[in-house]
């Protein structure tokens, strides 16, 4: 049965939050604030937080810096997942990711569909792994950040979640590098 196994010890992950926006600052970044509040309330550590403009090079550069930081286990970004010309976060992610996690975007859109109907098609939420770091790309709305955390990430980043979770796989994400 799926759920939290209370007999297992919680393990805090070090999570970085990136907001992709041409119009937000740390003072008015409500979506980033929601992610920070949710992850810290769950017991995880906010490793870093930043805002970058909708620029593919800047986004990929920030992803790479955090991927290369051994003190960061997970990156969650918000913004830039739509279909307009400025929405390029998934493309920036594709420049750095080693393995895609296609089920993340599929599950996110399934959850969104239950709330916003066919408008969920406009989300290009996605995820992947690069050099031992998980990267999750969420839309920029506060509702999307709540749904992404509450419905998917809160469980998958909790080592106690059964039958399996992303957190327990972190020690094995770089196995291919030693081969």
N, C-alpha and C. Protein backbone atom coordinates (compact mmCIF):
# COMPACT_ATOMS: atom_id res chain seq x y z
N UNK A 1 0.84 -1.19 0.00
CA UNK A 1 0.00 0.00 0.00
C UNK A 1 0.88 1.25 0.00
N UNK A 2 0.52 2.22 -0.80
CA UNK A 2 1.29 3.46 -0.90
C UNK A 2 1.06 4.35 0.31
N UNK A 3 2.11 5.02 0.72
CA UNK A 3 1.99 5.96 1.83
C UNK A 3 3.30 6.09 2.57
N UNK A 4 3.27 6.86 3.66
CA UNK A 4 4.45 7.11 4.47
C UNK A 4 4.60 6.01 5.51
N UNK A 5 5.76 5.39 5.54
CA UNK A 5 6.10 4.36 6.52
C UNK A 5 6.69 5.06 7.74
N UNK A 6 5.88 5.23 8.77
CA UNK A 6 6.31 5.97 9.96
C UNK A 6 7.40 5.25 10.75
N UNK A 7 7.67 3.99 10.43
CA UNK A 7 8.73 3.27 11.14
C UNK A 7 10.12 3.63 10.59
N UNK A 8 10.17 4.28 9.45
CA UNK A 8 11.45 4.69 8.85
C UNK A 8 11.78 6.11 9.27
N UNK A 9 13.06 6.41 9.37
CA UNK A 9 13.51 7.74 9.74
C UNK A 9 13.48 8.68 8.53
N UNK A 10 13.00 9.90 8.73
CA UNK A 10 13.00 10.92 7.69
C UNK A 10 14.43 11.35 7.41
N UNK A 11 14.73 11.64 6.15
CA UNK A 11 16.05 12.14 5.78
C UNK A 11 15.85 13.44 5.00
N UNK A 12 16.35 14.53 5.57
CA UNK A 12 16.22 15.83 4.92
C UNK A 12 17.11 15.89 3.68
N UNK A 13 16.54 16.39 2.59
CA UNK A 13 17.30 16.61 1.37
C UNK A 13 17.64 18.09 1.27
N UNK A 14 18.69 18.38 0.52
CA UNK A 14 19.13 19.76 0.30
C UNK A 14 18.59 20.19 -1.06
N UNK A 15 17.63 21.11 -1.04
CA UNK A 15 16.87 21.47 -2.23
C UNK A 15 17.10 22.93 -2.59
N UNK A 16 17.42 23.17 -3.87
CA UNK A 16 17.54 24.52 -4.39
C UNK A 16 16.28 24.88 -5.16
N UNK A 17 15.86 26.13 -5.06
CA UNK A 17 14.65 26.61 -5.75
C UNK A 17 15.05 27.71 -6.73
N UNK A 18 14.66 27.51 -7.98
CA UNK A 18 14.95 28.47 -9.04
C UNK A 18 13.65 28.98 -9.63
N UNK A 19 13.49 30.29 -9.68
CA UNK A 19 12.35 30.90 -10.36
C UNK A 19 12.85 31.48 -11.67
N UNK A 20 12.17 31.14 -12.75
CA UNK A 20 12.50 31.66 -14.07
C UNK A 20 11.45 32.71 -14.41
N UNK A 21 11.87 33.97 -14.48
CA UNK A 21 10.91 35.04 -14.72
C UNK A 21 11.62 36.32 -15.15
N UNK A 22 11.00 37.04 -16.07
CA UNK A 22 11.47 38.36 -16.46
C UNK A 22 10.88 39.45 -15.58
N UNK A 23 9.87 39.11 -14.79
CA UNK A 23 9.14 40.13 -14.04
C UNK A 23 9.16 39.97 -12.53
N UNK A 24 9.71 38.91 -12.01
CA UNK A 24 9.70 38.67 -10.56
C UNK A 24 11.04 39.01 -9.91
N UNK A 25 10.96 39.32 -8.62
CA UNK A 25 12.14 39.48 -7.77
C UNK A 25 11.88 38.64 -6.52
N UNK A 26 12.87 38.51 -5.66
CA UNK A 26 12.67 37.74 -4.43
C UNK A 26 11.57 38.36 -3.56
N UNK A 27 11.33 39.66 -3.73
CA UNK A 27 10.30 40.33 -2.92
C UNK A 27 8.88 39.95 -3.31
N UNK A 28 8.66 39.55 -4.57
CA UNK A 28 7.30 39.24 -5.01
C UNK A 28 7.18 37.88 -5.71
N UNK A 29 8.10 36.98 -5.40
CA UNK A 29 8.11 35.65 -6.00
C UNK A 29 7.24 34.70 -5.18
N UNK A 30 5.94 34.76 -5.37
CA UNK A 30 5.01 33.95 -4.58
C UNK A 30 5.18 32.46 -4.84
N UNK A 31 5.43 32.08 -6.08
CA UNK A 31 5.59 30.65 -6.39
C UNK A 31 6.84 30.09 -5.72
N UNK A 32 7.95 30.81 -5.79
CA UNK A 32 9.16 30.39 -5.09
C UNK A 32 8.94 30.32 -3.60
N UNK A 33 8.21 31.32 -3.06
CA UNK A 33 7.91 31.33 -1.63
C UNK A 33 7.13 30.07 -1.22
N UNK A 34 6.17 29.69 -2.05
CA UNK A 34 5.37 28.49 -1.74
C UNK A 34 6.25 27.25 -1.70
N UNK A 35 7.14 27.12 -2.68
CA UNK A 35 8.02 25.95 -2.70
C UNK A 35 8.94 25.93 -1.48
N UNK A 36 9.50 27.09 -1.13
CA UNK A 36 10.38 27.17 0.04
C UNK A 36 9.61 26.81 1.31
N UNK A 37 8.40 27.36 1.46
CA UNK A 37 7.60 27.07 2.64
C UNK A 37 7.26 25.59 2.72
N UNK A 38 6.87 24.99 1.59
CA UNK A 38 6.49 23.58 1.59
C UNK A 38 7.67 22.68 1.91
N UNK A 39 8.81 22.93 1.27
CA UNK A 39 9.95 22.02 1.46
C UNK A 39 10.53 22.15 2.87
N UNK A 40 10.58 23.37 3.41
CA UNK A 40 11.11 23.52 4.77
C UNK A 40 10.13 22.99 5.82
N UNK A 41 8.84 23.18 5.58
CA UNK A 41 7.84 22.62 6.51
C UNK A 41 7.89 21.11 6.53
N UNK A 42 8.26 20.51 5.41
CA UNK A 42 8.38 19.04 5.34
C UNK A 42 9.64 18.54 6.04
N UNK A 43 10.56 19.46 6.37
CA UNK A 43 11.79 19.06 7.06
C UNK A 43 13.03 19.08 6.19
N UNK A 44 12.89 19.46 4.92
CA UNK A 44 14.05 19.54 4.03
C UNK A 44 14.78 20.86 4.24
N UNK A 45 15.98 20.94 3.70
CA UNK A 45 16.81 22.14 3.84
C UNK A 45 16.80 22.92 2.53
N UNK A 46 16.55 24.23 2.62
CA UNK A 46 16.69 25.08 1.44
C UNK A 46 18.18 25.31 1.24
N UNK A 47 18.73 24.74 0.17
CA UNK A 47 20.17 24.83 -0.09
C UNK A 47 20.53 26.18 -0.72
N UNK A 48 19.72 26.61 -1.69
CA UNK A 48 19.93 27.90 -2.35
C UNK A 48 18.62 28.31 -3.00
N UNK A 49 18.55 29.59 -3.33
CA UNK A 49 17.39 30.11 -4.05
C UNK A 49 17.88 31.22 -4.97
N UNK A 50 17.30 31.26 -6.18
CA UNK A 50 17.70 32.28 -7.15
C UNK A 50 16.56 32.55 -8.11
N UNK A 51 16.64 33.68 -8.78
CA UNK A 51 15.74 34.04 -9.86
C UNK A 51 16.60 34.37 -11.06
N UNK A 52 16.27 33.79 -12.21
CA UNK A 52 16.96 34.12 -13.46
C UNK A 52 15.93 34.52 -14.51
N UNK A 53 16.36 35.30 -15.45
CA UNK A 53 15.50 35.74 -16.54
C UNK A 53 15.21 34.57 -17.49
N UNK A 54 14.22 34.75 -18.33
CA UNK A 54 13.86 33.75 -19.34
C UNK A 54 14.92 33.75 -20.44
N UNK A 55 16.08 33.19 -20.12
CA UNK A 55 17.21 33.13 -21.04
C UNK A 55 17.80 31.73 -20.92
N UNK A 56 17.79 30.99 -22.02
CA UNK A 56 18.21 29.60 -21.99
C UNK A 56 19.61 29.41 -21.44
N UNK A 57 20.54 30.27 -21.83
CA UNK A 57 21.92 30.16 -21.33
C UNK A 57 21.98 30.38 -19.83
N UNK A 58 21.27 31.39 -19.34
CA UNK A 58 21.29 31.69 -17.90
C UNK A 58 20.65 30.56 -17.09
N UNK A 59 19.57 30.00 -17.61
CA UNK A 59 18.90 28.90 -16.91
C UNK A 59 19.80 27.67 -16.87
N UNK A 60 20.37 27.30 -18.03
CA UNK A 60 21.26 26.13 -18.08
C UNK A 60 22.49 26.34 -17.20
N UNK A 61 23.00 27.57 -17.17
CA UNK A 61 24.16 27.88 -16.33
C UNK A 61 23.83 27.69 -14.86
N UNK A 62 22.65 28.16 -14.43
CA UNK A 62 22.25 28.00 -13.03
C UNK A 62 22.03 26.52 -12.72
N UNK A 63 21.34 25.80 -13.62
CA UNK A 63 21.17 24.35 -13.42
C UNK A 63 22.54 23.69 -13.26
N UNK A 64 23.47 23.96 -14.15
CA UNK A 64 24.79 23.33 -14.10
C UNK A 64 25.53 23.66 -12.81
N UNK A 65 25.47 24.90 -12.37
CA UNK A 65 26.15 25.28 -11.13
C UNK A 65 25.61 24.47 -9.95
N UNK A 66 24.30 24.31 -9.90
CA UNK A 66 23.71 23.57 -8.80
C UNK A 66 23.91 22.07 -8.96
N UNK A 67 23.90 21.57 -10.17
CA UNK A 67 24.19 20.15 -10.41
C UNK A 67 25.60 19.82 -9.94
N UNK A 68 26.53 20.73 -10.15
CA UNK A 68 27.92 20.51 -9.77
C UNK A 68 28.21 20.76 -8.30
N UNK A 69 27.24 21.25 -7.55
CA UNK A 69 27.41 21.54 -6.13
C UNK A 69 27.04 20.29 -5.33
N UNK A 70 28.01 19.66 -4.67
CA UNK A 70 27.71 18.43 -3.92
C UNK A 70 26.79 18.66 -2.73
N UNK A 71 26.53 19.91 -2.38
CA UNK A 71 25.63 20.21 -1.26
C UNK A 71 24.17 20.36 -1.71
N UNK A 72 23.89 20.05 -2.99
CA UNK A 72 22.52 20.14 -3.50
C UNK A 72 22.11 18.78 -4.06
N UNK A 73 20.99 18.26 -3.53
CA UNK A 73 20.45 16.97 -3.98
C UNK A 73 19.39 17.13 -5.06
N UNK A 74 18.63 18.22 -4.96
CA UNK A 74 17.45 18.41 -5.80
C UNK A 74 17.35 19.87 -6.19
N UNK A 75 16.93 20.12 -7.44
CA UNK A 75 16.60 21.46 -7.91
C UNK A 75 15.15 21.45 -8.34
N UNK A 76 14.38 22.42 -7.83
CA UNK A 76 13.01 22.60 -8.28
C UNK A 76 12.93 23.98 -8.90
N UNK A 77 12.54 24.04 -10.17
CA UNK A 77 12.37 25.34 -10.80
C UNK A 77 10.89 25.59 -11.05
N UNK A 78 10.55 26.87 -11.14
CA UNK A 78 9.18 27.28 -11.42
C UNK A 78 9.21 28.37 -12.47
N UNK A 79 8.37 28.21 -13.48
CA UNK A 79 8.27 29.22 -14.53
C UNK A 79 8.88 28.78 -15.84
N UNK A 80 8.37 29.36 -16.93
CA UNK A 80 8.93 29.12 -18.25
C UNK A 80 8.55 27.80 -18.89
N UNK A 81 7.41 27.22 -18.48
CA UNK A 81 7.03 25.90 -19.02
C UNK A 81 5.89 25.95 -20.01
N UNK A 82 5.42 27.14 -20.35
CA UNK A 82 4.30 27.25 -21.27
C UNK A 82 4.74 27.08 -22.72
N UNK A 83 3.95 27.58 -23.63
CA UNK A 83 4.23 27.40 -25.05
C UNK A 83 4.55 28.71 -25.78
N UNK A 84 4.66 29.81 -25.07
CA UNK A 84 4.98 31.07 -25.74
C UNK A 84 6.47 31.15 -26.05
N UNK A 85 6.85 32.15 -26.79
CA UNK A 85 8.24 32.30 -27.20
C UNK A 85 9.23 32.44 -26.07
N UNK A 86 8.82 33.02 -24.96
CA UNK A 86 9.72 33.22 -23.82
C UNK A 86 9.81 32.00 -22.91
N UNK A 87 8.94 31.02 -23.10
CA UNK A 87 8.90 29.82 -22.24
C UNK A 87 9.92 28.81 -22.73
N UNK A 88 11.10 28.79 -22.08
CA UNK A 88 12.21 27.97 -22.57
C UNK A 88 12.87 27.12 -21.49
N UNK A 89 12.25 27.02 -20.32
CA UNK A 89 12.87 26.24 -19.25
C UNK A 89 13.04 24.77 -19.62
N UNK A 90 12.06 24.10 -20.23
CA UNK A 90 12.30 22.70 -20.62
C UNK A 90 13.46 22.55 -21.61
N UNK A 91 13.62 23.51 -22.52
CA UNK A 91 14.73 23.45 -23.47
C UNK A 91 16.06 23.61 -22.74
N UNK A 92 16.11 24.51 -21.76
CA UNK A 92 17.33 24.68 -20.97
C UNK A 92 17.65 23.41 -20.18
N UNK A 93 16.61 22.79 -19.64
CA UNK A 93 16.81 21.53 -18.91
C UNK A 93 17.38 20.47 -19.83
N UNK A 94 16.88 20.40 -21.05
CA UNK A 94 17.34 19.36 -21.97
C UNK A 94 18.83 19.50 -22.30
N UNK A 95 19.38 20.69 -22.11
CA UNK A 95 20.81 20.91 -22.36
C UNK A 95 21.69 20.31 -21.28
N UNK A 96 21.13 20.03 -20.10
CA UNK A 96 21.94 19.55 -18.98
C UNK A 96 21.57 18.15 -18.49
N UNK A 97 20.37 17.68 -18.79
CA UNK A 97 19.88 16.44 -18.21
C UNK A 97 20.54 15.22 -18.86
N UNK A 98 20.83 14.21 -18.06
CA UNK A 98 21.35 12.93 -18.55
C UNK A 98 20.22 11.94 -18.79
N UNK A 99 19.26 11.91 -17.88
CA UNK A 99 18.12 11.00 -17.98
C UNK A 99 16.85 11.80 -17.72
N UNK A 100 15.89 11.64 -18.61
CA UNK A 100 14.60 12.26 -18.41
C UNK A 100 13.74 11.39 -17.50
N UNK A 101 12.80 12.05 -16.82
CA UNK A 101 11.80 11.35 -16.01
C UNK A 101 10.45 11.72 -16.61
N UNK A 102 10.07 11.08 -17.73
CA UNK A 102 8.85 11.49 -18.44
C UNK A 102 7.58 11.37 -17.61
N UNK A 103 7.54 10.42 -16.71
CA UNK A 103 6.35 10.23 -15.89
C UNK A 103 6.01 11.41 -15.02
N UNK A 104 7.02 12.22 -14.67
CA UNK A 104 6.75 13.39 -13.83
C UNK A 104 5.80 14.36 -14.55
N UNK A 105 6.13 14.72 -15.78
CA UNK A 105 5.29 15.63 -16.54
C UNK A 105 3.91 15.05 -16.81
N UNK A 106 3.88 13.76 -17.11
CA UNK A 106 2.61 13.10 -17.37
C UNK A 106 1.72 13.12 -16.13
N UNK A 107 2.31 12.81 -14.98
CA UNK A 107 1.54 12.81 -13.74
C UNK A 107 1.11 14.22 -13.37
N UNK A 108 2.00 15.19 -13.57
CA UNK A 108 1.65 16.57 -13.26
C UNK A 108 0.44 17.02 -14.09
N UNK A 109 0.46 16.72 -15.38
CA UNK A 109 -0.65 17.11 -16.24
C UNK A 109 -1.94 16.36 -15.88
N UNK A 110 -1.83 15.12 -15.43
CA UNK A 110 -3.01 14.37 -14.99
C UNK A 110 -3.64 15.06 -13.77
N UNK A 111 -2.79 15.44 -12.83
CA UNK A 111 -3.28 16.14 -11.64
C UNK A 111 -3.88 17.48 -12.03
N UNK A 112 -3.20 18.21 -12.90
CA UNK A 112 -3.70 19.52 -13.35
C UNK A 112 -5.03 19.39 -14.08
N UNK A 113 -5.16 18.35 -14.90
CA UNK A 113 -6.39 18.14 -15.66
C UNK A 113 -7.59 18.05 -14.72
N UNK A 114 -7.41 17.42 -13.58
CA UNK A 114 -8.50 17.28 -12.62
C UNK A 114 -8.94 18.62 -12.06
N UNK A 115 -8.06 19.62 -12.13
CA UNK A 115 -8.36 20.93 -11.56
C UNK A 115 -8.67 21.99 -12.60
N UNK A 116 -7.96 21.96 -13.75
CA UNK A 116 -8.13 23.02 -14.74
C UNK A 116 -8.54 22.50 -16.11
N UNK A 117 -8.87 21.22 -16.19
CA UNK A 117 -9.35 20.65 -17.44
C UNK A 117 -8.29 20.64 -18.52
N UNK A 118 -8.73 20.84 -19.75
CA UNK A 118 -7.81 20.73 -20.88
C UNK A 118 -6.74 21.81 -20.92
N UNK A 119 -6.85 22.85 -20.10
CA UNK A 119 -5.78 23.86 -20.01
C UNK A 119 -4.48 23.24 -19.53
N UNK A 120 -4.55 22.06 -18.92
CA UNK A 120 -3.34 21.36 -18.48
C UNK A 120 -2.41 21.04 -19.65
N UNK A 121 -2.95 20.98 -20.85
CA UNK A 121 -2.13 20.72 -22.03
C UNK A 121 -1.06 21.79 -22.25
N UNK A 122 -1.28 22.98 -21.72
CA UNK A 122 -0.35 24.08 -21.94
C UNK A 122 0.89 23.98 -21.05
N UNK A 123 0.91 23.04 -20.12
CA UNK A 123 2.07 22.87 -19.24
C UNK A 123 3.07 21.90 -19.84
N UNK A 124 4.32 22.30 -19.82
CA UNK A 124 5.39 21.40 -20.24
C UNK A 124 6.26 21.05 -19.03
N UNK A 125 5.61 20.84 -17.89
CA UNK A 125 6.33 20.39 -16.69
C UNK A 125 7.13 19.15 -17.06
N UNK A 126 8.33 19.06 -16.52
CA UNK A 126 9.21 17.95 -16.87
C UNK A 126 10.21 17.73 -15.74
N UNK A 127 11.00 16.69 -15.87
CA UNK A 127 12.00 16.39 -14.84
C UNK A 127 13.10 15.53 -15.44
N UNK A 128 14.21 15.49 -14.72
CA UNK A 128 15.32 14.66 -15.15
C UNK A 128 16.37 14.55 -14.06
N UNK A 129 17.43 13.84 -14.40
CA UNK A 129 18.56 13.63 -13.49
C UNK A 129 19.83 14.02 -14.24
N UNK A 130 20.72 14.70 -13.56
CA UNK A 130 22.02 15.04 -14.13
C UNK A 130 23.08 14.97 -13.04
N UNK A 131 24.10 14.17 -13.28
CA UNK A 131 25.24 14.02 -12.37
C UNK A 131 24.81 13.89 -10.90
N UNK A 132 23.82 13.03 -10.68
CA UNK A 132 23.39 12.72 -9.32
C UNK A 132 22.42 13.69 -8.70
N UNK A 133 21.92 14.65 -9.47
CA UNK A 133 20.99 15.66 -8.96
C UNK A 133 19.66 15.55 -9.69
N UNK A 134 18.58 15.55 -8.92
CA UNK A 134 17.25 15.58 -9.52
C UNK A 134 16.91 17.01 -9.91
N UNK A 135 16.25 17.18 -11.06
CA UNK A 135 15.78 18.49 -11.52
C UNK A 135 14.31 18.38 -11.88
N UNK A 136 13.48 19.20 -11.25
CA UNK A 136 12.05 19.22 -11.51
C UNK A 136 11.66 20.60 -12.00
N UNK A 137 10.94 20.66 -13.12
CA UNK A 137 10.54 21.92 -13.74
C UNK A 137 9.03 22.04 -13.66
N UNK A 138 8.57 23.02 -12.88
CA UNK A 138 7.13 23.26 -12.68
C UNK A 138 6.70 24.56 -13.35
N UNK A 139 5.43 24.68 -13.69
CA UNK A 139 4.92 25.96 -14.17
C UNK A 139 5.05 27.05 -13.10
N UNK A 140 4.89 28.29 -13.50
CA UNK A 140 5.11 29.42 -12.60
C UNK A 140 3.94 29.82 -11.73
N UNK A 141 2.78 29.23 -11.92
CA UNK A 141 1.64 29.64 -11.09
C UNK A 141 1.75 29.06 -9.68
N UNK A 142 1.16 29.77 -8.74
CA UNK A 142 1.18 29.28 -7.35
C UNK A 142 0.43 27.95 -7.24
N UNK A 143 -0.68 27.83 -7.97
CA UNK A 143 -1.43 26.57 -7.94
C UNK A 143 -0.62 25.40 -8.45
N UNK A 144 0.15 25.64 -9.53
CA UNK A 144 0.98 24.57 -10.08
C UNK A 144 2.07 24.16 -9.10
N UNK A 145 2.64 25.13 -8.40
CA UNK A 145 3.69 24.80 -7.42
C UNK A 145 3.11 24.02 -6.25
N UNK A 146 1.93 24.41 -5.81
CA UNK A 146 1.26 23.66 -4.74
C UNK A 146 0.97 22.23 -5.20
N UNK A 147 0.40 22.10 -6.40
CA UNK A 147 0.07 20.76 -6.91
C UNK A 147 1.33 19.91 -7.09
N UNK A 148 2.37 20.49 -7.69
CA UNK A 148 3.61 19.75 -7.91
C UNK A 148 4.21 19.26 -6.61
N UNK A 149 4.24 20.12 -5.59
CA UNK A 149 4.80 19.71 -4.31
C UNK A 149 3.86 18.76 -3.57
N UNK A 150 2.62 19.21 -3.38
CA UNK A 150 1.69 18.45 -2.53
C UNK A 150 1.34 17.09 -3.10
N UNK A 151 1.20 16.99 -4.41
CA UNK A 151 0.70 15.77 -5.02
C UNK A 151 1.80 14.82 -5.50
N UNK A 152 3.01 15.34 -5.72
CA UNK A 152 4.07 14.48 -6.26
C UNK A 152 5.34 14.56 -5.42
N UNK A 153 5.93 15.73 -5.36
CA UNK A 153 7.27 15.86 -4.77
C UNK A 153 7.31 15.60 -3.27
N UNK A 154 6.28 15.98 -2.53
CA UNK A 154 6.30 15.73 -1.08
C UNK A 154 6.47 14.25 -0.78
N UNK A 155 5.87 13.40 -1.60
CA UNK A 155 6.01 11.94 -1.40
C UNK A 155 7.30 11.41 -1.99
N UNK A 156 7.61 11.79 -3.22
CA UNK A 156 8.77 11.22 -3.90
C UNK A 156 10.10 11.70 -3.32
N UNK A 157 10.11 12.81 -2.60
CA UNK A 157 11.34 13.29 -1.96
C UNK A 157 11.39 12.91 -0.48
N UNK A 158 10.47 12.08 -0.05
CA UNK A 158 10.43 11.59 1.34
C UNK A 158 10.85 10.12 1.33
N UNK A 159 11.98 9.84 1.93
CA UNK A 159 12.56 8.49 1.92
C UNK A 159 11.64 7.46 2.58
N UNK A 160 10.67 7.93 3.34
CA UNK A 160 9.75 7.02 4.02
C UNK A 160 8.58 6.58 3.13
N UNK A 161 8.42 7.22 1.97
CA UNK A 161 7.28 6.90 1.11
C UNK A 161 7.44 5.50 0.52
N UNK A 162 6.37 4.74 0.56
CA UNK A 162 6.33 3.37 0.06
C UNK A 162 5.32 3.26 -1.05
N UNK A 163 5.54 2.44 -2.05
CA UNK A 163 6.53 1.38 -2.08
C UNK A 163 7.92 1.83 -2.51
N UNK A 164 8.06 3.01 -3.12
CA UNK A 164 9.39 3.48 -3.52
C UNK A 164 9.34 5.00 -3.68
N UNK A 165 10.52 5.61 -3.80
CA UNK A 165 10.60 7.06 -3.90
C UNK A 165 11.92 7.46 -4.55
N UNK A 166 11.99 8.70 -5.01
CA UNK A 166 13.22 9.22 -5.60
C UNK A 166 14.33 9.39 -4.57
N UNK A 167 13.97 9.74 -3.34
CA UNK A 167 14.98 10.04 -2.31
C UNK A 167 15.89 8.83 -2.05
N UNK A 168 15.32 7.65 -1.99
CA UNK A 168 16.13 6.47 -1.68
C UNK A 168 17.11 6.11 -2.80
N UNK A 169 16.89 6.65 -3.98
CA UNK A 169 17.76 6.34 -5.12
C UNK A 169 18.96 7.29 -5.24
N UNK A 170 18.98 8.35 -4.48
CA UNK A 170 20.06 9.34 -4.60
C UNK A 170 21.45 8.71 -4.52
N UNK A 171 21.72 7.82 -3.58
CA UNK A 171 23.07 7.24 -3.52
C UNK A 171 23.45 6.44 -4.77
N UNK A 172 22.46 6.04 -5.57
CA UNK A 172 22.74 5.20 -6.74
C UNK A 172 22.70 5.97 -8.07
N UNK A 173 22.41 7.26 -8.04
CA UNK A 173 22.24 8.01 -9.28
C UNK A 173 23.53 8.16 -10.10
N UNK A 174 24.66 7.98 -9.46
CA UNK A 174 25.93 8.17 -10.17
C UNK A 174 26.66 6.84 -10.40
N UNK A 175 25.96 5.72 -10.25
CA UNK A 175 26.61 4.40 -10.41
C UNK A 175 27.28 4.24 -11.77
N UNK A 176 26.70 4.77 -12.81
CA UNK A 176 27.25 4.62 -14.15
C UNK A 176 28.60 5.32 -14.32
N UNK A 177 28.89 6.28 -13.46
CA UNK A 177 30.14 7.03 -13.58
C UNK A 177 31.35 6.22 -13.13
N UNK A 178 31.14 5.27 -12.23
CA UNK A 178 32.27 4.48 -11.72
C UNK A 178 32.56 3.26 -12.60
N UNK A 179 31.69 3.01 -13.55
CA UNK A 179 31.87 1.83 -14.41
C UNK A 179 32.98 2.04 -15.45
